[in-house]
């Protein structure tokens, strides 16, 4: 399902870009680091005795994405974006349940976030056009893998909670700051930091830091 959504978004971005007559569209790719607060919030110790829970993943992970922006005037733009983050945790275990041996060796559990975003960007000052701030809304669809070994209940549970089986989706607001610099007529190289806050749960979801590469389509001078 994710592949279909990504492909559809890619086709939409391409169609909008090729149809741009006023040359105000730009495409931006990004790849870098994310810090996911949720993956460290699990309680692995609570509950009855005689259990082992593997829920947590590493706070630091990776994120990649694509953005399509429409320049409203010299200072501001409106855009849509998609980003996918991944945080993993390597687990090891040796034990038994009701006489049955269980071995887990270097097994990676993952937590994926799919961010769908609408955002507004504006320059801090006209004198230094490389610096921008961003604000917007997002929806996040996640996929969370966990392992629960419950000796007292003779259970071994290996599962992934996602939108399809658990309706796992949340919404919130985002804020960011970015710096970019032209490297030729069409391309800009930069770096961007963002924070994602969930309104639906009143918690911080993630922070990101990503190098960016922007391609401006058919650039022309804007009068607004």
C-alpha atoms as a PDB file:
ATOM      1  CA  UNK A   1       0.000   0.000   0.000  1.00  0.00           C
ATOM      2  CA  UNK A   2       2.807   2.436   0.826  1.00  0.00           C
ATOM      3  CA  UNK A   3       4.434   1.820  -2.557  1.00  0.00           C
ATOM      4  CA  UNK A   4       1.162   2.691  -4.318  1.00  0.00           C
ATOM      5  CA  UNK A   5       0.773   5.888  -2.302  1.00  0.00           C
ATOM      6  CA  UNK A   6       4.374   6.944  -2.957  1.00  0.00           C
ATOM      7  CA  UNK A   7       4.010   6.205  -6.683  1.00  0.00           C
ATOM      8  CA  UNK A   8       0.760   8.182  -6.866  1.00  0.00           C
ATOM      9  CA  UNK A   9       2.342  11.140  -5.078  1.00  0.00           C
ATOM     10  CA  UNK A  10       5.329  10.992  -7.420  1.00  0.00           C
ATOM     11  CA  UNK A  11       3.061  11.058 -10.483  1.00  0.00           C
ATOM     12  CA  UNK A  12       1.158  14.021  -9.040  1.00  0.00           C
ATOM     13  CA  UNK A  13       4.364  15.940  -8.377  1.00  0.00           C
ATOM     14  CA  UNK A  14       5.608  15.246 -11.889  1.00  0.00           C
ATOM     15  CA  UNK A  15       2.314  16.293 -13.479  1.00  0.00           C
ATOM     16  CA  UNK A  16       2.148  19.547 -11.523  1.00  0.00           C
ATOM     17  CA  UNK A  17       5.763  20.325 -12.287  1.00  0.00           C
ATOM     18  CA  UNK A  18       5.482  19.746 -16.035  1.00  0.00           C
ATOM     19  CA  UNK A  19       2.256  21.778 -16.221  1.00  0.00           C
ATOM     20  CA  UNK A  20       3.737  24.791 -14.451  1.00  0.00           C
ATOM     21  CA  UNK A  21       3.455  27.735 -16.845  1.00  0.00           C
ATOM     22  CA  UNK A  22       4.568  30.504 -14.526  1.00  0.00           C
ATOM     23  CA  UNK A  23       7.691  28.694 -13.421  1.00  0.00           C
ATOM     24  CA  UNK A  24       6.948  28.994  -9.722  1.00  0.00           C
ATOM     25  CA  UNK A  25       7.198  25.296  -8.900  1.00  0.00           C
ATOM     26  CA  UNK A  26      10.196  23.599  -7.337  1.00  0.00           C
ATOM     27  CA  UNK A  27      10.963  20.033  -6.277  1.00  0.00           C
ATOM     28  CA  UNK A  28      13.075  19.234  -3.236  1.00  0.00           C
ATOM     29  CA  UNK A  29      14.571  15.925  -2.127  1.00  0.00           C
ATOM     30  CA  UNK A  30      15.844  15.326   1.398  1.00  0.00           C
ATOM     31  CA  UNK A  31      17.610  12.608   3.356  1.00  0.00           C
ATOM     32  CA  UNK A  32      19.031  12.710   6.859  1.00  0.00           C
ATOM     33  CA  UNK A  33      18.449  11.940  10.537  1.00  0.00           C
ATOM     34  CA  UNK A  34      15.314  11.801  12.673  1.00  0.00           C
ATOM     35  CA  UNK A  35      14.808  11.556  16.401  1.00  0.00           C
ATOM     36  CA  UNK A  36      11.617   9.663  17.277  1.00  0.00           C
ATOM     37  CA  UNK A  37      10.260  10.288  20.779  1.00  0.00           C
ATOM     38  CA  UNK A  38       7.567   7.616  20.622  1.00  0.00           C
ATOM     39  CA  UNK A  39       9.932   4.662  20.160  1.00  0.00           C
ATOM     40  CA  UNK A  40      11.504   5.327  23.586  1.00  0.00           C
ATOM     41  CA  UNK A  41       8.205   5.798  25.437  1.00  0.00           C
ATOM     42  CA  UNK A  42       7.208   2.120  25.760  1.00  0.00           C
ATOM     43  CA  UNK A  43       6.949   0.449  29.170  1.00  0.00           C
ATOM     44  CA  UNK A  44       8.905  -2.800  28.906  1.00  0.00           C
ATOM     45  CA  UNK A  45       9.042  -3.479  32.654  1.00  0.00           C
ATOM     46  CA  UNK A  46       5.437  -3.142  33.810  1.00  0.00           C
ATOM     47  CA  UNK A  47       2.992  -6.028  34.113  1.00  0.00           C
ATOM     48  CA  UNK A  48       3.110  -9.475  35.737  1.00  0.00           C
ATOM     49  CA  UNK A  49       6.387 -11.217  36.493  1.00  0.00           C
ATOM     50  CA  UNK A  50       7.755 -13.821  34.100  1.00  0.00           C
ATOM     51  CA  UNK A  51       7.766 -11.810  30.886  1.00  0.00           C
ATOM     52  CA  UNK A  52      10.143 -10.125  28.450  1.00  0.00           C
ATOM     53  CA  UNK A  53       8.973  -7.270  26.228  1.00  0.00           C
ATOM     54  CA  UNK A  54      10.884  -5.976  23.204  1.00  0.00           C
ATOM     55  CA  UNK A  55       9.157  -2.737  22.233  1.00  0.00           C
ATOM     56  CA  UNK A  56      11.719   0.065  22.181  1.00  0.00           C
ATOM     57  CA  UNK A  57      13.839   1.134  19.216  1.00  0.00           C
ATOM     58  CA  UNK A  58      16.748   3.551  18.815  1.00  0.00           C
ATOM     59  CA  UNK A  59      15.838   7.212  19.186  1.00  0.00           C
ATOM     60  CA  UNK A  60      18.045   8.144  16.203  1.00  0.00           C
ATOM     61  CA  UNK A  61      16.926   6.885  12.813  1.00  0.00           C
ATOM     62  CA  UNK A  62      16.810   7.991   9.182  1.00  0.00           C
ATOM     63  CA  UNK A  63      14.281   9.972   7.171  1.00  0.00           C
ATOM     64  CA  UNK A  64      13.881  10.677   3.462  1.00  0.00           C
ATOM     65  CA  UNK A  65      11.276  12.579   1.515  1.00  0.00           C
ATOM     66  CA  UNK A  66      10.173  14.832  -1.311  1.00  0.00           C
ATOM     67  CA  UNK A  67       8.494  18.234  -1.360  1.00  0.00           C
ATOM     68  CA  UNK A  68       6.674  20.212  -4.048  1.00  0.00           C
ATOM     69  CA  UNK A  69       6.491  23.970  -3.473  1.00  0.00           C
ATOM     70  CA  UNK A  70       4.621  26.733  -5.281  1.00  0.00           C
ATOM     71  CA  UNK A  71       6.214  30.152  -4.875  1.00  0.00           C
ATOM     72  CA  UNK A  72       3.556  32.717  -3.964  1.00  0.00           C
ATOM     73  CA  UNK A  73       5.882  35.730  -4.197  1.00  0.00           C
ATOM     74  CA  UNK A  74       9.524  36.630  -3.606  1.00  0.00           C
ATOM     75  CA  UNK A  75       9.403  35.642   0.065  1.00  0.00           C
ATOM     76  CA  UNK A  76       6.793  32.921   0.576  1.00  0.00           C
ATOM     77  CA  UNK A  77       5.676  29.568  -0.814  1.00  0.00           C
ATOM     78  CA  UNK A  78       3.055  26.901  -0.219  1.00  0.00           C
ATOM     79  CA  UNK A  79       3.854  23.206  -0.499  1.00  0.00           C
ATOM     80  CA  UNK A  80       2.942  19.583  -0.018  1.00  0.00           C
ATOM     81  CA  UNK A  81       5.401  16.979   1.209  1.00  0.00           C
ATOM     82  CA  UNK A  82       5.859  13.298   1.967  1.00  0.00           C
ATOM     83  CA  UNK A  83       8.535  11.858   4.251  1.00  0.00           C
ATOM     84  CA  UNK A  84       9.240   8.365   5.573  1.00  0.00           C
ATOM     85  CA  UNK A  85      11.271   7.755   8.720  1.00  0.00           C
ATOM     86  CA  UNK A  86      12.687   4.514  10.083  1.00  0.00           C
ATOM     87  CA  UNK A  87      13.898   3.671  13.593  1.00  0.00           C
ATOM     88  CA  UNK A  88      15.159   0.200  14.472  1.00  0.00           C
ATOM     89  CA  UNK A  89      16.226  -1.778  17.510  1.00  0.00           C
ATOM     90  CA  UNK A  90      18.329  -4.957  17.476  1.00  0.00           C
ATOM     91  CA  UNK A  91      17.103  -7.616  19.927  1.00  0.00           C
ATOM     92  CA  UNK A  92      18.669 -10.769  21.383  1.00  0.00           C
ATOM     93  CA  UNK A  93      17.051 -13.346  23.692  1.00  0.00           C
ATOM     94  CA  UNK A  94      17.551 -16.880  24.968  1.00  0.00           C
ATOM     95  CA  UNK A  95      14.896 -18.574  27.070  1.00  0.00           C
ATOM     96  CA  UNK A  96      11.980 -20.990  27.046  1.00  0.00           C
ATOM     97  CA  UNK A  97       8.195 -21.153  27.331  1.00  0.00           C
ATOM     98  CA  UNK A  98       6.654 -24.318  28.772  1.00  0.00           C
ATOM     99  CA  UNK A  99       9.749 -26.347  27.843  1.00  0.00           C
ATOM    100  CA  UNK A 100      10.084 -24.905  24.330  1.00  0.00           C
ATOM    101  CA  UNK A 101      13.383 -23.089  23.719  1.00  0.00           C
ATOM    102  CA  UNK A 102      13.211 -19.610  22.169  1.00  0.00           C
ATOM    103  CA  UNK A 103      16.196 -17.925  20.541  1.00  0.00           C
ATOM    104  CA  UNK A 104      16.281 -14.393  19.127  1.00  0.00           C
ATOM    105  CA  UNK A 105      19.589 -13.376  17.575  1.00  0.00           C
ATOM    106  CA  UNK A 106      20.368  -9.918  16.144  1.00  0.00           C
ATOM    107  CA  UNK A 107      16.730  -9.429  15.096  1.00  0.00           C
ATOM    108  CA  UNK A 108      15.834  -5.893  14.042  1.00  0.00           C
ATOM    109  CA  UNK A 109      12.477  -4.467  15.034  1.00  0.00           C
ATOM    110  CA  UNK A 110      11.437  -1.356  13.117  1.00  0.00           C
ATOM    111  CA  UNK A 111       9.149   1.613  13.555  1.00  0.00           C
ATOM    112  CA  UNK A 112       8.109   3.423  10.348  1.00  0.00           C
ATOM    113  CA  UNK A 113       6.435   6.816  10.131  1.00  0.00           C
ATOM    114  CA  UNK A 114       4.824   8.067   6.926  1.00  0.00           C
ATOM    115  CA  UNK A 115       4.338  11.850   7.130  1.00  0.00           C
ATOM    116  CA  UNK A 116       1.898  13.601   4.759  1.00  0.00           C
ATOM    117  CA  UNK A 117       2.289  17.362   5.058  1.00  0.00           C
ATOM    118  CA  UNK A 118       0.902  20.714   3.937  1.00  0.00           C
ATOM    119  CA  UNK A 119       3.218  23.610   4.773  1.00  0.00           C
ATOM    120  CA  UNK A 120       3.794  27.344   4.374  1.00  0.00           C
ATOM    121  CA  UNK A 121       7.316  28.780   4.052  1.00  0.00           C
ATOM    122  CA  UNK A 122       8.577  32.350   4.345  1.00  0.00           C
ATOM    123  CA  UNK A 123      11.946  34.063   4.391  1.00  0.00           C
ATOM    124  CA  UNK A 124      13.126  35.653   7.608  1.00  0.00           C
ATOM    125  CA  UNK A 125      14.429  38.746   5.783  1.00  0.00           C
ATOM    126  CA  UNK A 126      14.791  39.891   2.171  1.00  0.00           C
ATOM    127  CA  UNK A 127      18.399  40.814   2.861  1.00  0.00           C
ATOM    128  CA  UNK A 128      19.288  37.178   3.611  1.00  0.00           C
ATOM    129  CA  UNK A 129      17.002  35.067   1.369  1.00  0.00           C
ATOM    130  CA  UNK A 130      18.738  31.802   2.211  1.00  0.00           C
ATOM    131  CA  UNK A 131      17.031  31.499   5.609  1.00  0.00           C
ATOM    132  CA  UNK A 132      13.380  30.406   5.837  1.00  0.00           C
ATOM    133  CA  UNK A 133      10.875  29.307   8.464  1.00  0.00           C
ATOM    134  CA  UNK A 134       8.109  26.769   7.906  1.00  0.00           C
ATOM    135  CA  UNK A 135       4.800  25.907   9.572  1.00  0.00           C
ATOM    136  CA  UNK A 136       2.086  23.450   8.630  1.00  0.00           C
ATOM    137  CA  UNK A 137      -0.123  20.463   9.328  1.00  0.00           C
ATOM    138  CA  UNK A 138       0.583  16.760   8.945  1.00  0.00           C
ATOM    139  CA  UNK A 139      -0.905  13.297   9.215  1.00  0.00           C
ATOM    140  CA  UNK A 140       1.333  10.408  10.246  1.00  0.00           C
ATOM    141  CA  UNK A 141       0.644   6.748   9.473  1.00  0.00           C
ATOM    142  CA  UNK A 142       2.978   4.445  11.399  1.00  0.00           C
ATOM    143  CA  UNK A 143       3.914   0.764  11.491  1.00  0.00           C
ATOM    144  CA  UNK A 144       5.201  -0.542  14.856  1.00  0.00           C
ATOM    145  CA  UNK A 145       6.832  -3.952  15.295  1.00  0.00           C
ATOM    146  CA  UNK A 146       7.021  -5.548  18.752  1.00  0.00           C
ATOM    147  CA  UNK A 147       7.819  -8.872  20.445  1.00  0.00           C
ATOM    148  CA  UNK A 148       6.207  -9.980  23.710  1.00  0.00           C
ATOM    149  CA  UNK A 149       7.331 -13.143  25.554  1.00  0.00           C
ATOM    150  CA  UNK A 150       4.937 -13.976  28.405  1.00  0.00           C
ATOM    151  CA  UNK A 151       6.087 -17.074  30.273  1.00  0.00           C
ATOM    152  CA  UNK A 152       3.244 -16.849  32.800  1.00  0.00           C
ATOM    153  CA  UNK A 153       0.718 -16.964  29.956  1.00  0.00           C
ATOM    154  CA  UNK A 154       2.635 -19.279  27.574  1.00  0.00           C
ATOM    155  CA  UNK A 155       2.503 -16.596  24.884  1.00  0.00           C
ATOM    156  CA  UNK A 156       5.002 -15.528  22.232  1.00  0.00           C
ATOM    157  CA  UNK A 157       3.579 -12.559  20.328  1.00  0.00           C
ATOM    158  CA  UNK A 158       5.354 -11.125  17.269  1.00  0.00           C
ATOM    159  CA  UNK A 159       3.297  -8.416  15.610  1.00  0.00           C
ATOM    160  CA  UNK A 160       3.155  -5.203  13.624  1.00  0.00           C
ATOM    161  CA  UNK A 161       0.509  -2.585  14.352  1.00  0.00           C
ATOM    162  CA  UNK A 162      -0.301  -0.406  11.352  1.00  0.00           C
ATOM    163  CA  UNK A 163      -3.145   1.503   9.734  1.00  0.00           C
ATOM    164  CA  UNK A 164      -4.583  -1.567   8.026  1.00  0.00           C
ATOM    165  CA  UNK A 165      -4.975  -3.693  11.166  1.00  0.00           C
ATOM    166  CA  UNK A 166      -5.099  -1.056  13.931  1.00  0.00           C
ATOM    167  CA  UNK A 167      -6.171   2.221  12.276  1.00  0.00           C
ATOM    168  CA  UNK A 168      -2.835   3.672  13.405  1.00  0.00           C
ATOM    169  CA  UNK A 169      -2.906   7.336  12.327  1.00  0.00           C
ATOM    170  CA  UNK A 170      -2.407  10.639  14.165  1.00  0.00           C
ATOM    171  CA  UNK A 171      -2.443  14.337  13.238  1.00  0.00           C
ATOM    172  CA  UNK A 172      -0.515  17.393  14.324  1.00  0.00           C
ATOM    173  CA  UNK A 173       1.413  20.551  13.510  1.00  0.00           C
ATOM    174  CA  UNK A 174       4.965  21.027  12.255  1.00  0.00           C
ATOM    175  CA  UNK A 175       7.496  23.830  12.422  1.00  0.00           C
ATOM    176  CA  UNK A 176      10.863  24.156  10.768  1.00  0.00           C
ATOM    177  CA  UNK A 177      13.828  26.269   9.821  1.00  0.00           C
ATOM    178  CA  UNK A 178      15.887  25.910   6.645  1.00  0.00           C
ATOM    179  CA  UNK A 179      18.902  27.378   4.906  1.00  0.00           C
ATOM    180  CA  UNK A 180      19.716  26.967   1.213  1.00  0.00           C
ATOM    181  CA  UNK A 181      22.169  28.356  -1.288  1.00  0.00           C
ATOM    182  CA  UNK A 182      22.159  28.330  -5.080  1.00  0.00           C
ATOM    183  CA  UNK A 183      24.821  26.130  -6.634  1.00  0.00           C
ATOM    184  CA  UNK A 184      23.792  26.803 -10.256  1.00  0.00           C
ATOM    185  CA  UNK A 185      20.852  28.159 -12.267  1.00  0.00           C
ATOM    186  CA  UNK A 186      18.370  25.491 -11.232  1.00  0.00           C
ATOM    187  CA  UNK A 187      19.741  23.781  -8.109  1.00  0.00           C
ATOM    188  CA  UNK A 188      19.936  24.817  -4.468  1.00  0.00           C
ATOM    189  CA  UNK A 189      21.776  22.899  -1.736  1.00  0.00           C
ATOM    190  CA  UNK A 190      20.677  23.330   1.848  1.00  0.00           C
ATOM    191  CA  UNK A 191      19.856  21.941   5.269  1.00  0.00           C
ATOM    192  CA  UNK A 192      16.535  21.785   7.123  1.00  0.00           C
ATOM    193  CA  UNK A 193      15.390  21.075  10.683  1.00  0.00           C
ATOM    194  CA  UNK A 194      11.777  20.227  11.589  1.00  0.00           C
ATOM    195  CA  UNK A 195       9.756  19.323  14.658  1.00  0.00           C
ATOM    196  CA  UNK A 196       6.495  17.347  14.589  1.00  0.00           C
ATOM    197  CA  UNK A 197       3.961  17.731  17.417  1.00  0.00           C
ATOM    198  CA  UNK A 198       0.862  15.526  17.692  1.00  0.00           C
ATOM    199  CA  UNK A 199      -2.296  17.454  18.541  1.00  0.00           C
ATOM    200  CA  UNK A 200      -4.258  14.220  18.810  1.00  0.00           C
ATOM    201  CA  UNK A 201      -2.115  12.984  21.736  1.00  0.00           C
ATOM    202  CA  UNK A 202      -0.479  16.259  22.932  1.00  0.00           C
ATOM    203  CA  UNK A 203       3.005  14.753  22.581  1.00  0.00           C
ATOM    204  CA  UNK A 204       6.140  15.438  20.575  1.00  0.00           C
ATOM    205  CA  UNK A 205       6.481  12.882  17.782  1.00  0.00           C
ATOM    206  CA  UNK A 206       9.811  13.582  16.078  1.00  0.00           C
ATOM    207  CA  UNK A 207      12.587  16.005  15.188  1.00  0.00           C
ATOM    208  CA  UNK A 208      14.527  15.859  11.921  1.00  0.00           C
ATOM    209  CA  UNK A 209      17.743  17.250  10.449  1.00  0.00           C
ATOM    210  CA  UNK A 210      18.222  16.734   6.718  1.00  0.00           C
ATOM    211  CA  UNK A 211      20.445  18.002   3.911  1.00  0.00           C
ATOM    212  CA  UNK A 212      18.283  19.065   0.954  1.00  0.00           C
ATOM    213  CA  UNK A 213      18.612  19.451  -2.804  1.00  0.00           C
ATOM    214  CA  UNK A 214      16.060  21.654  -4.583  1.00  0.00           C
ATOM    215  CA  UNK A 215      15.405  21.910  -8.308  1.00  0.00           C
ATOM    216  CA  UNK A 216      13.643  25.071  -9.464  1.00  0.00           C
ATOM    217  CA  UNK A 217      11.688  24.608 -12.675  1.00  0.00           C
ATOM    218  CA  UNK A 218      12.114  27.128 -15.485  1.00  0.00           C
ATOM    219  CA  UNK A 219      13.215  29.926 -13.195  1.00  0.00           C
ATOM    220  CA  UNK A 220      12.132  33.455 -13.958  1.00  0.00           C
ATOM    221  CA  UNK A 221      12.146  36.723 -12.050  1.00  0.00           C
ATOM    222  CA  UNK A 222       9.106  37.247  -9.833  1.00  0.00           C
ATOM    223  CA  UNK A 223       7.673  40.708  -9.503  1.00  0.00           C
ATOM    224  CA  UNK A 224       5.551  40.093  -6.358  1.00  0.00           C
END
